[in-house]
PDB file of N, CA and C in Angstrom:
ATOM      1  N   MET A   1       7.682   7.014  15.419  1.00  0.00           N
ATOM      2  CA  MET A   1       6.885   5.816  15.561  1.00  0.00           C
ATOM      3  C   MET A   1       7.797   4.711  16.068  1.00  0.00           C
ATOM      4  N   ILE A   2       7.366   4.009  17.082  1.00  0.00           N
ATOM      5  CA  ILE A   2       8.186   2.925  17.630  1.00  0.00           C
ATOM      6  C   ILE A   2       7.347   1.669  17.825  1.00  0.00           C
ATOM      7  N   ALA A   3       8.024   0.526  17.778  1.00  0.00           N
ATOM      8  CA  ALA A   3       7.424  -0.748  18.187  1.00  0.00           C
ATOM      9  C   ALA A   3       8.069  -1.102  19.513  1.00  0.00           C
ATOM     10  N   TRP A   4       7.254  -1.347  20.492  1.00  0.00           N
ATOM     11  CA  TRP A   4       7.721  -1.567  21.860  1.00  0.00           C
ATOM     12  C   TRP A   4       7.443  -3.004  22.270  1.00  0.00           C
ATOM     13  N   ASP A   5       8.421  -3.676  22.821  1.00  0.00           N
ATOM     14  CA  ASP A   5       8.250  -5.010  23.373  1.00  0.00           C
ATOM     15  C   ASP A   5       7.986  -4.849  24.867  1.00  0.00           C
ATOM     16  N   PRO A   6       6.728  -5.016  25.306  1.00  0.00           N
ATOM     17  CA  PRO A   6       6.415  -4.791  26.713  1.00  0.00           C
ATOM     18  C   PRO A   6       7.022  -5.845  27.645  1.00  0.00           C
ATOM     19  N   ASN A   7       7.243  -7.046  27.138  1.00  0.00           N
ATOM     20  CA  ASN A   7       7.834  -8.104  27.970  1.00  0.00           C
ATOM     21  C   ASN A   7       9.306  -7.835  28.262  1.00  0.00           C
ATOM     22  N   ALA A   8      10.030  -7.383  27.237  1.00  0.00           N
ATOM     23  CA  ALA A   8      11.455  -7.100  27.410  1.00  0.00           C
ATOM     24  C   ALA A   8      11.690  -5.668  27.890  1.00  0.00           C
ATOM     25  N   GLY A   9      10.656  -4.805  27.759  1.00  0.00           N
ATOM     26  CA  GLY A   9      10.798  -3.413  28.176  1.00  0.00           C
ATOM     27  C   GLY A   9      11.770  -2.641  27.307  1.00  0.00           C
ATOM     28  N   ARG A  10      11.689  -2.868  25.977  1.00  0.00           N
ATOM     29  CA  ARG A  10      12.623  -2.186  25.073  1.00  0.00           C
ATOM     30  C   ARG A  10      11.975  -1.883  23.730  1.00  0.00           C
ATOM     31  N   ILE A  11      12.576  -0.957  23.013  1.00  0.00           N
ATOM     32  CA  ILE A  11      12.156  -0.625  21.654  1.00  0.00           C
ATOM     33  C   ILE A  11      12.689  -1.699  20.719  1.00  0.00           C
ATOM     34  N   VAL A  12      11.816  -2.238  19.868  1.00  0.00           N
ATOM     35  CA  VAL A  12      12.199  -3.259  18.896  1.00  0.00           C
ATOM     36  C   VAL A  12      12.696  -2.600  17.605  1.00  0.00           C
ATOM     37  N   TRP A  13      11.976  -1.576  17.152  1.00  0.00           N
ATOM     38  CA  TRP A  13      12.387  -0.793  15.987  1.00  0.00           C
ATOM     39  C   TRP A  13      11.737   0.579  16.095  1.00  0.00           C
ATOM     40  N   SER A  14      12.278   1.529  15.328  1.00  0.00           N
ATOM     41  CA  SER A  14      11.687   2.869  15.306  1.00  0.00           C
ATOM     42  C   SER A  14      11.798   3.458  13.914  1.00  0.00           C
ATOM     43  N   ASP A  15      10.899   4.365  13.619  1.00  0.00           N
ATOM     44  CA  ASP A  15      10.881   5.083  12.346  1.00  0.00           C
ATOM     45  C   ASP A  15      10.651   6.556  12.675  1.00  0.00           C
ATOM     46  N   PRO A  16      11.718   7.344  12.782  1.00  0.00           N
ATOM     47  CA  PRO A  16      11.559   8.764  13.130  1.00  0.00           C
ATOM     48  C   PRO A  16      10.703   9.505  12.091  1.00  0.00           C
ATOM     49  N   GLU A  17       9.823  10.333  12.556  1.00  0.00           N
ATOM     50  CA  GLU A  17       8.946  11.119  11.689  1.00  0.00           C
ATOM     51  C   GLU A  17       9.250  12.602  11.852  1.00  0.00           C
ATOM     52  N   ARG A  18       8.901  13.385  10.846  1.00  0.00           N
ATOM     53  CA  ARG A  18       9.141  14.826  10.845  1.00  0.00           C
ATOM     54  C   ARG A  18       8.333  15.538  11.927  1.00  0.00           C
ATOM     55  N   PHE A  19       7.106  15.085  12.157  1.00  0.00           N
ATOM     56  CA  PHE A  19       6.208  15.682  13.143  1.00  0.00           C
ATOM     57  C   PHE A  19       5.770  14.609  14.136  1.00  0.00           C
ATOM     58  N   PRO A  20       5.225  15.029  15.290  1.00  0.00           N
ATOM     59  CA  PRO A  20       4.717  14.031  16.231  1.00  0.00           C
ATOM     60  C   PRO A  20       3.712  13.107  15.535  1.00  0.00           C
ATOM     61  N   ALA A  21       3.774  11.844  15.830  1.00  0.00           N
ATOM     62  CA  ALA A  21       2.857  10.863  15.230  1.00  0.00           C
ATOM     63  C   ALA A  21       1.605  10.755  16.088  1.00  0.00           C
ATOM     64  N   TRP A  22       0.490  11.260  15.576  1.00  0.00           N
ATOM     65  CA  TRP A  22      -0.760  11.267  16.328  1.00  0.00           C
ATOM     66  C   TRP A  22      -1.690  10.145  15.903  1.00  0.00           C
ATOM     67  N   SER A  23      -1.426   9.547  14.758  1.00  0.00           N
ATOM     68  CA  SER A  23      -2.260   8.456  14.271  1.00  0.00           C
ATOM     69  C   SER A  23      -2.060   7.221  15.137  1.00  0.00           C
ATOM     70  N   GLY A  24      -3.099   6.444  15.279  1.00  0.00           N
ATOM     71  CA  GLY A  24      -2.945   5.136  15.898  1.00  0.00           C
ATOM     72  C   GLY A  24      -2.375   4.165  14.870  1.00  0.00           C
ATOM     73  N   ILE A  25      -2.215   2.924  15.294  1.00  0.00           N
ATOM     74  CA  ILE A  25      -1.708   1.874  14.414  1.00  0.00           C
ATOM     75  C   ILE A  25      -2.717   0.739  14.399  1.00  0.00           C
ATOM     76  N   VAL A  26      -2.908   0.149  13.234  1.00  0.00           N
ATOM     77  CA  VAL A  26      -3.696  -1.073  13.150  1.00  0.00           C
ATOM     78  C   VAL A  26      -2.803  -2.130  12.498  1.00  0.00           C
ATOM     79  N   THR A  27      -2.856  -3.345  13.035  1.00  0.00           N
ATOM     80  CA  THR A  27      -2.028  -4.426  12.497  1.00  0.00           C
ATOM     81  C   THR A  27      -2.909  -5.538  11.944  1.00  0.00           C
ATOM     82  N   THR A  28      -2.347  -6.274  11.002  1.00  0.00           N
ATOM     83  CA  THR A  28      -3.051  -7.403  10.414  1.00  0.00           C
ATOM     84  C   THR A  28      -2.448  -8.704  10.915  1.00  0.00           C
ATOM     85  N   LYS A  29      -3.189  -9.773  10.740  1.00  0.00           N
ATOM     86  CA  LYS A  29      -2.727 -11.106  11.132  1.00  0.00           C
ATOM     87  C   LYS A  29      -1.455 -11.496  10.370  1.00  0.00           C
ATOM     88  N   THR A  30      -1.263 -10.926   9.191  1.00  0.00           N
ATOM     89  CA  THR A  30      -0.100 -11.259   8.355  1.00  0.00           C
ATOM     90  C   THR A  30       1.143 -10.430   8.686  1.00  0.00           C
ATOM     91  N   GLY A  31       1.086  -9.618   9.738  1.00  0.00           N
ATOM     92  CA  GLY A  31       2.274  -8.889  10.177  1.00  0.00           C
ATOM     93  C   GLY A  31       2.515  -7.556   9.501  1.00  0.00           C
ATOM     94  N   ILE A  32       1.447  -6.889   9.102  1.00  0.00           N
ATOM     95  CA  ILE A  32       1.573  -5.556   8.510  1.00  0.00           C
ATOM     96  C   ILE A  32       0.940  -4.552   9.461  1.00  0.00           C
ATOM     97  N   ALA A  33       1.628  -3.450   9.704  1.00  0.00           N
ATOM     98  CA  ALA A  33       1.105  -2.359  10.527  1.00  0.00           C
ATOM     99  C   ALA A  33       0.848  -1.158   9.631  1.00  0.00           C
ATOM    100  N   PHE A  34      -0.296  -0.527   9.799  1.00  0.00           N
ATOM    101  CA  PHE A  34      -0.656   0.677   9.049  1.00  0.00           C
ATOM    102  C   PHE A  34      -0.735   1.847  10.015  1.00  0.00           C
ATOM    103  N   TYR A  35      -0.175   2.993   9.608  1.00  0.00           N
ATOM    104  CA  TYR A  35      -0.301   4.216  10.386  1.00  0.00           C
ATOM    105  C   TYR A  35      -0.135   5.421   9.475  1.00  0.00           C
ATOM    106  N   GLY A  36      -0.591   6.569   9.959  1.00  0.00           N
ATOM    107  CA  GLY A  36      -0.496   7.799   9.183  1.00  0.00           C
ATOM    108  C   GLY A  36       0.380   8.817   9.872  1.00  0.00           C
ATOM    109  N   THR A  37       0.857   9.784   9.089  1.00  0.00           N
ATOM    110  CA  THR A  37       1.705  10.840   9.624  1.00  0.00           C
ATOM    111  C   THR A  37       1.012  12.196   9.469  1.00  0.00           C
ATOM    112  N   MET A  38       1.401  13.143  10.298  1.00  0.00           N
ATOM    113  CA  MET A  38       0.782  14.469  10.227  1.00  0.00           C
ATOM    114  C   MET A  38       1.107  15.199   8.934  1.00  0.00           C
ATOM    115  N   ASP A  39       2.205  14.819   8.270  1.00  0.00           N
ATOM    116  CA  ASP A  39       2.507  15.473   7.001  1.00  0.00           C
ATOM    117  C   ASP A  39       1.874  14.748   5.815  1.00  0.00           C
ATOM    118  N   GLY A  40       0.990  13.773   6.087  1.00  0.00           N
ATOM    119  CA  GLY A  40       0.141  13.220   5.049  1.00  0.00           C
ATOM    120  C   GLY A  40       0.532  11.896   4.433  1.00  0.00           C
ATOM    121  N   TRP A  41       1.414  11.149   5.033  1.00  0.00           N
ATOM    122  CA  TRP A  41       1.777   9.838   4.492  1.00  0.00           C
ATOM    123  C   TRP A  41       1.018   8.746   5.216  1.00  0.00           C
ATOM    124  N   PHE A  42       0.460   7.807   4.456  1.00  0.00           N
ATOM    125  CA  PHE A  42      -0.155   6.609   5.017  1.00  0.00           C
ATOM    126  C   PHE A  42       0.804   5.467   4.694  1.00  0.00           C
ATOM    127  N   LYS A  43       1.273   4.784   5.737  1.00  0.00           N
ATOM    128  CA  LYS A  43       2.351   3.812   5.577  1.00  0.00           C
ATOM    129  C   LYS A  43       1.935   2.409   6.003  1.00  0.00           C
ATOM    130  N   ALA A  44       2.538   1.433   5.334  1.00  0.00           N
ATOM    131  CA  ALA A  44       2.435   0.025   5.726  1.00  0.00           C
ATOM    132  C   ALA A  44       3.852  -0.439   6.020  1.00  0.00           C
ATOM    133  N   VAL A  45       4.046  -1.000   7.208  1.00  0.00           N
ATOM    134  CA  VAL A  45       5.375  -1.474   7.603  1.00  0.00           C
ATOM    135  C   VAL A  45       5.269  -2.902   8.141  1.00  0.00           C
ATOM    136  N   ASP A  46       6.389  -3.609   8.068  1.00  0.00           N
ATOM    137  CA  ASP A  46       6.486  -4.949   8.630  1.00  0.00           C
ATOM    138  C   ASP A  46       6.506  -4.826  10.151  1.00  0.00           C
ATOM    139  N   THR A  47       5.636  -5.568  10.841  1.00  0.00           N
ATOM    140  CA  THR A  47       5.546  -5.432  12.295  1.00  0.00           C
ATOM    141  C   THR A  47       6.790  -5.923  13.022  1.00  0.00           C
ATOM    142  N   LYS A  48       7.519  -6.843  12.453  1.00  0.00           N
ATOM    143  CA  LYS A  48       8.705  -7.386  13.120  1.00  0.00           C
ATOM    144  C   LYS A  48       9.953  -6.521  12.937  1.00  0.00           C
ATOM    145  N   THR A  49      10.101  -5.908  11.754  1.00  0.00           N
ATOM    146  CA  THR A  49      11.332  -5.177  11.439  1.00  0.00           C
ATOM    147  C   THR A  49      11.146  -3.671  11.299  1.00  0.00           C
ATOM    148  N   GLY A  50       9.923  -3.236  11.062  1.00  0.00           N
ATOM    149  CA  GLY A  50       9.667  -1.821  10.808  1.00  0.00           C
ATOM    150  C   GLY A  50       9.968  -1.418   9.382  1.00  0.00           C
ATOM    151  N   SER A  51      10.398  -2.360   8.551  1.00  0.00           N
ATOM    152  CA  SER A  51      10.702  -2.050   7.144  1.00  0.00           C
ATOM    153  C   SER A  51       9.457  -1.533   6.437  1.00  0.00           C
ATOM    154  N   GLU A  52       9.626  -0.432   5.726  1.00  0.00           N
ATOM    155  CA  GLU A  52       8.508   0.155   4.990  1.00  0.00           C
ATOM    156  C   GLU A  52       8.159  -0.730   3.796  1.00  0.00           C
ATOM    157  N   LEU A  53       6.907  -1.124   3.711  1.00  0.00           N
ATOM    158  CA  LEU A  53       6.437  -1.973   2.623  1.00  0.00           C
ATOM    159  C   LEU A  53       5.747  -1.160   1.533  1.00  0.00           C
ATOM    160  N   TRP A  54       5.129  -0.042   1.944  1.00  0.00           N
ATOM    161  CA  TRP A  54       4.345   0.772   1.019  1.00  0.00           C
ATOM    162  C   TRP A  54       4.024   2.082   1.704  1.00  0.00           C
ATOM    163  N   LYS A  55       3.861   3.150   0.922  1.00  0.00           N
ATOM    164  CA  LYS A  55       3.347   4.402   1.468  1.00  0.00           C
ATOM    165  C   LYS A  55       2.666   5.173   0.352  1.00  0.00           C
ATOM    166  N   MET A  56       1.725   6.024   0.752  1.00  0.00           N
ATOM    167  CA  MET A  56       1.003   6.854  -0.211  1.00  0.00           C
ATOM    168  C   MET A  56       0.715   8.206   0.428  1.00  0.00           C
ATOM    169  N   LYS A  57       0.898   9.256  -0.346  1.00  0.00           N
ATOM    170  CA  LYS A  57       0.600  10.616   0.126  1.00  0.00           C
ATOM    171  C   LYS A  57      -0.908  10.828   0.094  1.00  0.00           C
ATOM    172  N   MET A  58      -1.450  11.197   1.234  1.00  0.00           N
ATOM    173  CA  MET A  58      -2.895  11.417   1.379  1.00  0.00           C
ATOM    174  C   MET A  58      -3.231  12.885   1.112  1.00  0.00           C
ATOM    175  N   PRO A  59      -4.530  13.197   0.971  1.00  0.00           N
ATOM    176  CA  PRO A  59      -4.931  14.583   0.726  1.00  0.00           C
ATOM    177  C   PRO A  59      -4.563  15.550   1.850  1.00  0.00           C
ATOM    178  N   SER A  60      -4.407  15.033   3.077  1.00  0.00           N
ATOM    179  CA  SER A  60      -4.072  15.878   4.220  1.00  0.00           C
ATOM    180  C   SER A  60      -3.317  15.035   5.233  1.00  0.00           C
ATOM    181  N   GLY A  61      -2.824  15.687   6.274  1.00  0.00           N
ATOM    182  CA  GLY A  61      -2.165  14.961   7.351  1.00  0.00           C
ATOM    183  C   GLY A  61      -3.136  14.021   8.045  1.00  0.00           C
ATOM    184  N   ILE A  62      -2.586  13.060   8.763  1.00  0.00           N
ATOM    185  CA  ILE A  62      -3.423  12.033   9.401  1.00  0.00           C
ATOM    186  C   ILE A  62      -3.202  12.047  10.908  1.00  0.00           C
ATOM    187  N   ILE A  63      -4.299  12.200  11.636  1.00  0.00           N
ATOM    188  CA  ILE A  63      -4.252  12.036  13.089  1.00  0.00           C
ATOM    189  C   ILE A  63      -5.260  10.979  13.530  1.00  0.00           C
ATOM    190  N   ALA A  64      -6.040  10.469  12.586  1.00  0.00           N
ATOM    191  CA  ALA A  64      -7.054   9.464  12.894  1.00  0.00           C
ATOM    192  C   ALA A  64      -6.438   8.069  12.976  1.00  0.00           C
ATOM    193  N   ASN A  65      -7.134   7.190  13.666  1.00  0.00           N
ATOM    194  CA  ASN A  65      -6.714   5.796  13.743  1.00  0.00           C
ATOM    195  C   ASN A  65      -7.186   5.048  12.500  1.00  0.00           C
ATOM    196  N   PRO A  66      -6.296   4.331  11.822  1.00  0.00           N
ATOM    197  CA  PRO A  66      -6.760   3.506  10.711  1.00  0.00           C
ATOM    198  C   PRO A  66      -7.561   2.323  11.238  1.00  0.00           C
ATOM    199  N   ILE A  67      -8.426   1.786  10.396  1.00  0.00           N
ATOM    200  CA  ILE A  67      -9.204   0.602  10.755  1.00  0.00           C
ATOM    201  C   ILE A  67      -9.078  -0.423   9.638  1.00  0.00           C
ATOM    202  N   THR A  68      -9.362  -1.661   9.960  1.00  0.00           N
ATOM    203  CA  THR A  68      -9.452  -2.691   8.945  1.00  0.00           C
ATOM    204  C   THR A  68     -10.767  -3.427   9.147  1.00  0.00           C
ATOM    205  N   TYR A  69     -11.353  -3.886   8.032  1.00  0.00           N
ATOM    206  CA  TYR A  69     -12.617  -4.606   8.102  1.00  0.00           C
ATOM    207  C   TYR A  69     -12.737  -5.547   6.903  1.00  0.00           C
ATOM    208  N   MET A  70     -13.656  -6.487   7.016  1.00  0.00           N
ATOM    209  CA  MET A  70     -13.927  -7.444   5.940  1.00  0.00           C
ATOM    210  C   MET A  70     -15.308  -7.164   5.356  1.00  0.00           C
ATOM    211  N   HIS A  71     -15.417  -7.326   4.030  1.00  0.00           N
ATOM    212  CA  HIS A  71     -16.704  -7.224   3.353  1.00  0.00           C
ATOM    213  C   HIS A  71     -16.699  -8.195   2.178  1.00  0.00           C
ATOM    214  N   ASP A  72     -17.668  -9.083   2.154  1.00  0.00           N
ATOM    215  CA  ASP A  72     -17.773 -10.099   1.093  1.00  0.00           C
ATOM    216  C   ASP A  72     -16.470 -10.857   0.891  1.00  0.00           C
ATOM    217  N   GLY A  73     -15.812 -11.203   2.003  1.00  0.00           N
ATOM    218  CA  GLY A  73     -14.588 -12.001   1.937  1.00  0.00           C
ATOM    219  C   GLY A  73     -13.330 -11.238   1.560  1.00  0.00           C
ATOM    220  N   LYS A  74     -13.409  -9.927   1.427  1.00  0.00           N
ATOM    221  CA  LYS A  74     -12.246  -9.115   1.074  1.00  0.00           C
ATOM    222  C   LYS A  74     -11.911  -8.191   2.247  1.00  0.00           C
ATOM    223  N   GLN A  75     -10.609  -8.035   2.540  1.00  0.00           N
ATOM    224  CA  GLN A  75     -10.185  -7.167   3.637  1.00  0.00           C
ATOM    225  C   GLN A  75      -9.848  -5.777   3.112  1.00  0.00           C
ATOM    226  N   TYR A  76     -10.218  -4.776   3.905  1.00  0.00           N
ATOM    227  CA  TYR A  76      -9.972  -3.369   3.572  1.00  0.00           C
ATOM    228  C   TYR A  76      -9.285  -2.687   4.748  1.00  0.00           C
ATOM    229  N   VAL A  77      -8.569  -1.615   4.437  1.00  0.00           N
ATOM    230  CA  VAL A  77      -8.035  -0.734   5.476  1.00  0.00           C
ATOM    231  C   VAL A  77      -8.488   0.678   5.093  1.00  0.00           C
ATOM    232  N   ALA A  78      -8.938   1.429   6.100  1.00  0.00           N
ATOM    233  CA  ALA A  78      -9.458   2.773   5.860  1.00  0.00           C
ATOM    234  C   ALA A  78      -8.856   3.743   6.866  1.00  0.00           C
ATOM    235  N   VAL A  79      -8.716   5.002   6.427  1.00  0.00           N
ATOM    236  CA  VAL A  79      -8.188   6.032   7.319  1.00  0.00           C
ATOM    237  C   VAL A  79      -8.780   7.381   6.913  1.00  0.00           C
ATOM    238  N   LEU A  80      -9.042   8.220   7.911  1.00  0.00           N
ATOM    239  CA  LEU A  80      -9.519   9.576   7.659  1.00  0.00           C
ATOM    240  C   LEU A  80      -8.307  10.494   7.550  1.00  0.00           C
ATOM    241  N   SER A  81      -8.194  11.160   6.430  1.00  0.00           N
ATOM    242  CA  SER A  81      -7.107  12.101   6.183  1.00  0.00           C
ATOM    243  C   SER A  81      -7.618  13.500   6.484  1.00  0.00           C
ATOM    244  N   GLY A  82      -7.032  14.140   7.490  1.00  0.00           N
ATOM    245  CA  GLY A  82      -7.464  15.479   7.858  1.00  0.00           C
ATOM    246  C   GLY A  82      -6.850  15.916   9.172  1.00  0.00           C
ATOM    247  N   VAL A  83      -6.017  16.932   9.128  1.00  0.00           N
ATOM    248  CA  VAL A  83      -5.371  17.448  10.320  1.00  0.00           C
ATOM    249  C   VAL A  83      -6.383  18.266  11.111  1.00  0.00           C
ATOM    250  N   GLY A  84      -6.392  18.084  12.412  1.00  0.00           N
ATOM    251  CA  GLY A  84      -7.316  18.841  13.252  1.00  0.00           C
ATOM    252  C   GLY A  84      -6.969  18.658  14.709  1.00  0.00           C
ATOM    253  N   GLY A  85      -7.875  19.066  15.569  1.00  0.00           N
ATOM    254  CA  GLY A  85      -7.658  18.930  16.999  1.00  0.00           C
ATOM    255  C   GLY A  85      -6.471  19.750  17.471  1.00  0.00           C
ATOM    256  N   TRP A  86      -5.937  19.363  18.638  1.00  0.00           N
ATOM    257  CA  TRP A  86      -4.808  20.088  19.218  1.00  0.00           C
ATOM    258  C   TRP A  86      -3.626  20.125  18.269  1.00  0.00           C
ATOM    259  N   ALA A  87      -3.321  18.997  17.639  1.00  0.00           N
ATOM    260  CA  ALA A  87      -2.139  18.910  16.780  1.00  0.00           C
ATOM    261  C   ALA A  87      -2.198  19.836  15.576  1.00  0.00           C
ATOM    262  N   GLY A  88      -3.379  20.102  15.068  1.00  0.00           N
ATOM    263  CA  GLY A  88      -3.496  20.919  13.866  1.00  0.00           C
ATOM    264  C   GLY A  88      -4.046  22.308  14.081  1.00  0.00           C
ATOM    265  N   ILE A  89      -4.137  22.752  15.334  1.00  0.00           N
ATOM    266  CA  ILE A  89      -4.760  24.053  15.592  1.00  0.00           C
ATOM    267  C   ILE A  89      -3.998  25.216  14.954  1.00  0.00           C
ATOM    268  N   GLY A  90      -2.679  25.114  14.911  1.00  0.00           N
ATOM    269  CA  GLY A  90      -1.902  26.184  14.287  1.00  0.00           C
ATOM    270  C   GLY A  90      -2.246  26.338  12.819  1.00  0.00           C
ATOM    271  N   LEU A  91      -2.330  25.220  12.115  1.00  0.00           N
ATOM    272  CA  LEU A  91      -2.681  25.229  10.704  1.00  0.00           C
ATOM    273  C   LEU A  91      -4.129  25.667  10.508  1.00  0.00           C
ATOM    274  N   ALA A  92      -5.045  25.127  11.311  1.00  0.00           N
ATOM    275  CA  ALA A  92      -6.467  25.432  11.167  1.00  0.00           C
ATOM    276  C   ALA A  92      -6.792  26.886  11.484  1.00  0.00           C
ATOM    277  N   ALA A  93      -6.135  27.442  12.495  1.00  0.00           N
ATOM    278  CA  ALA A  93      -6.455  28.805  12.940  1.00  0.00           C
ATOM    279  C   ALA A  93      -5.451  29.844  12.459  1.00  0.00           C
ATOM    280  N   GLY A  94      -4.429  29.427  11.719  1.00  0.00           N
ATOM    281  CA  GLY A  94      -3.431  30.373  11.215  1.00  0.00           C
ATOM    282  C   GLY A  94      -2.550  30.950  12.308  1.00  0.00           C
ATOM    283  N   LEU A  95      -2.324  30.197  13.373  1.00  0.00           N
ATOM    284  CA  LEU A  95      -1.513  30.671  14.497  1.00  0.00           C
ATOM    285  C   LEU A  95      -0.029  30.514  14.188  1.00  0.00           C
ATOM    286  N   THR A  96       0.785  31.452  14.653  1.00  0.00           N
ATOM    287  CA  THR A  96       2.231  31.387  14.411  1.00  0.00           C
ATOM    288  C   THR A  96       3.067  31.474  15.683  1.00  0.00           C
ATOM    289  N   ASN A  97       2.502  31.992  16.761  1.00  0.00           N
ATOM    290  CA  ASN A  97       3.242  32.097  18.016  1.00  0.00           C
ATOM    291  C   ASN A  97       3.497  30.679  18.543  1.00  0.00           C
ATOM    292  N   PRO A  98       4.764  30.293  18.784  1.00  0.00           N
ATOM    293  CA  PRO A  98       5.086  28.928  19.214  1.00  0.00           C
ATOM    294  C   PRO A  98       4.361  28.465  20.471  1.00  0.00           C
ATOM    295  N   THR A  99       3.963  29.394  21.352  1.00  0.00           N
ATOM    296  CA  THR A  99       3.289  29.000  22.581  1.00  0.00           C
ATOM    297  C   THR A  99       1.762  28.930  22.419  1.00  0.00           C
ATOM    298  N   ALA A 100       1.259  29.342  21.258  1.00  0.00           N
ATOM    299  CA  ALA A 100      -0.189  29.318  21.030  1.00  0.00           C
ATOM    300  C   ALA A 100      -0.694  27.879  21.017  1.00  0.00           C
ATOM    301  N   GLY A 101      -1.964  27.749  21.340  1.00  0.00           N
ATOM    302  CA  GLY A 101      -2.571  26.424  21.358  1.00  0.00           C
ATOM    303  C   GLY A 101      -1.922  25.513  22.380  1.00  0.00           C
ATOM    304  N   LEU A 102      -1.533  26.081  23.517  1.00  0.00           N
ATOM    305  CA  LEU A 102      -0.861  25.327  24.585  1.00  0.00           C
ATOM    306  C   LEU A 102       0.370  24.590  24.064  1.00  0.00           C
ATOM    307  N   GLY A 103       1.093  25.250  23.141  1.00  0.00           N
ATOM    308  CA  GLY A 103       2.331  24.683  22.618  1.00  0.00           C
ATOM    309  C   GLY A 103       2.165  23.866  21.351  1.00  0.00           C
ATOM    310  N   ALA A 104       0.936  23.697  20.884  1.00  0.00           N
ATOM    311  CA  ALA A 104       0.691  22.901  19.677  1.00  0.00           C
ATOM    312  C   ALA A 104       1.375  23.493  18.465  1.00  0.00           C
ATOM    313  N   VAL A 105       1.417  24.806  18.376  1.00  0.00           N
ATOM    314  CA  VAL A 105       2.040  25.457  17.221  1.00  0.00           C
ATOM    315  C   VAL A 105       3.518  25.088  17.141  1.00  0.00           C
ATOM    316  N   ASN A 106       4.196  25.076  18.277  1.00  0.00           N
ATOM    317  CA  ASN A 106       5.610  24.702  18.292  1.00  0.00           C
ATOM    318  C   ASN A 106       5.792  23.216  17.961  1.00  0.00           C
ATOM    319  N   ALA A 107       4.892  22.355  18.444  1.00  0.00           N
ATOM    320  CA  ALA A 107       5.006  20.908  18.202  1.00  0.00           C
ATOM    321  C   ALA A 107       4.833  20.557  16.733  1.00  0.00           C
ATOM    322  N   ALA A 108       4.081  21.367  16.005  1.00  0.00           N
ATOM    323  CA  ALA A 108       3.832  21.089  14.588  1.00  0.00           C
ATOM    324  C   ALA A 108       4.288  22.260  13.723  1.00  0.00           C
ATOM    325  N   GLN A 109       5.389  22.857  14.121  1.00  0.00           N
ATOM    326  CA  GLN A 109       5.928  24.004  13.391  1.00  0.00           C
ATOM    327  C   GLN A 109       6.173  23.624  11.938  1.00  0.00           C
ATOM    328  N   ASP A 110       5.840  24.475  11.007  1.00  0.00           N
ATOM    329  CA  ASP A 110       6.011  24.283   9.565  1.00  0.00           C
ATOM    330  C   ASP A 110       5.091  23.219   8.972  1.00  0.00           C
ATOM    331  N   LEU A 111       4.093  22.755   9.695  1.00  0.00           N
ATOM    332  CA  LEU A 111       3.183  21.741   9.173  1.00  0.00           C
ATOM    333  C   LEU A 111       2.532  22.194   7.866  1.00  0.00           C
ATOM    334  N   GLY A 112       2.212  23.474   7.772  1.00  0.00           N
ATOM    335  CA  GLY A 112       1.579  24.012   6.563  1.00  0.00           C
ATOM    336  C   GLY A 112       2.425  23.888   5.315  1.00  0.00           C
ATOM    337  N   LYS A 113       3.721  23.683   5.458  1.00  0.00           N
ATOM    338  CA  LYS A 113       4.590  23.470   4.288  1.00  0.00           C
ATOM    339  C   LYS A 113       4.453  22.053   3.727  1.00  0.00           C
ATOM    340  N   TYR A 114       3.869  21.141   4.506  1.00  0.00           N
ATOM    341  CA  TYR A 114       3.824  19.734   4.128  1.00  0.00           C
ATOM    342  C   TYR A 114       2.428  19.174   3.901  1.00  0.00           C
ATOM    343  N   THR A 115       1.401  19.890   4.386  1.00  0.00           N
ATOM    344  CA  THR A 115       0.039  19.391   4.233  1.00  0.00           C
ATOM    345  C   THR A 115      -0.949  20.540   4.326  1.00  0.00           C
ATOM    346  N   THR A 116      -2.197  20.241   4.045  1.00  0.00           N
ATOM    347  CA  THR A 116      -3.283  21.206   4.162  1.00  0.00           C
ATOM    348  C   THR A 116      -4.365  20.597   5.043  1.00  0.00           C
ATOM    349  N   LEU A 117      -5.368  21.396   5.359  1.00  0.00           N
ATOM    350  CA  LEU A 117      -6.513  20.863   6.087  1.00  0.00           C
ATOM    351  C   LEU A 117      -7.256  19.914   5.159  1.00  0.00           C
ATOM    352  N   GLY A 118      -8.013  19.023   5.714  1.00  0.00           N
ATOM    353  CA  GLY A 118      -8.737  18.077   4.858  1.00  0.00           C
ATOM    354  C   GLY A 118      -9.880  17.446   5.603  1.00  0.00           C
ATOM    355  N   GLY A 119     -10.319  16.334   5.091  1.00  0.00           N
ATOM    356  CA  GLY A 119     -11.424  15.588   5.671  1.00  0.00           C
ATOM    357  C   GLY A 119     -11.894  14.516   4.690  1.00  0.00           C
ATOM    358  N   ASP A 120     -10.979  13.670   4.253  1.00  0.00           N
ATOM    359  CA  ASP A 120     -11.293  12.636   3.266  1.00  0.00           C
ATOM    360  C   ASP A 120     -11.125  11.244   3.879  1.00  0.00           C
ATOM    361  N   LEU A 121     -12.123  10.399   3.673  1.00  0.00           N
ATOM    362  CA  LEU A 121     -12.016   9.002   4.066  1.00  0.00           C
ATOM    363  C   LEU A 121     -11.439   8.247   2.878  1.00  0.00           C
ATOM    364  N   VAL A 122     -10.291   7.589   3.094  1.00  0.00           N
ATOM    365  CA  VAL A 122      -9.619   6.853   2.022  1.00  0.00           C
ATOM    366  C   VAL A 122      -9.624   5.370   2.400  1.00  0.00           C
ATOM    367  N   VAL A 123     -10.052   4.525   1.465  1.00  0.00           N
ATOM    368  CA  VAL A 123     -10.182   3.098   1.712  1.00  0.00           C
ATOM    369  C   VAL A 123      -9.370   2.326   0.670  1.00  0.00           C
ATOM    370  N   PHE A 124      -8.638   1.316   1.143  1.00  0.00           N
ATOM    371  CA  PHE A 124      -7.813   0.466   0.274  1.00  0.00           C
ATOM    372  C   PHE A 124      -8.244  -0.982   0.462  1.00  0.00           C
ATOM    373  N   SER A 125      -8.199  -1.753  -0.600  1.00  0.00           N
ATOM    374  CA  SER A 125      -8.420  -3.190  -0.459  1.00  0.00           C
ATOM    375  C   SER A 125      -7.061  -3.853  -0.302  1.00  0.00           C
ATOM    376  N   LEU A 126      -7.011  -4.897   0.502  1.00  0.00           N
ATOM    377  CA  LEU A 126      -5.748  -5.604   0.738  1.00  0.00           C
ATOM    378  C   LEU A 126      -5.712  -6.881  -0.082  1.00  0.00           C
TER     379      LEU A 126
END
C-alpha cells in the first residue's frame, strides 16, 4: 500500500503487505485512511505519515472498497470482508498450480494459511 503525491511524482509513504492489496482506500476529512488486506486486516492509518492508528482482523480477506457514510449525525465506515474474484480464485476453487487462474494462484500463494472465504459486511462507528 502506498500514498502517492501526484504533484511531486513520488511515494510519500508505504506499508508493505504480505499479499497484493486489492482493497480500495477511503479517507476522512480528519486525515484517516481505511483499507483492507487480503489476509483479513482492516486498517486505519494517518494519511500524512502512514502510521497505523488501528487494525482489526476481519472474518475473511478484504478486496472490497471501504465506504464511509453519515446517519443521524454519526459517521460510520463499512467494508465487505470476503475474498473472491481473480485474487481469491485459488482459495475459492482449491487451485494449487501457480499458473492457474491466469497467475492468480501465484499472486496469492499461501492465502489459505491466513484467511478463509467469507461474505460479511462489517460496520464501525467513528
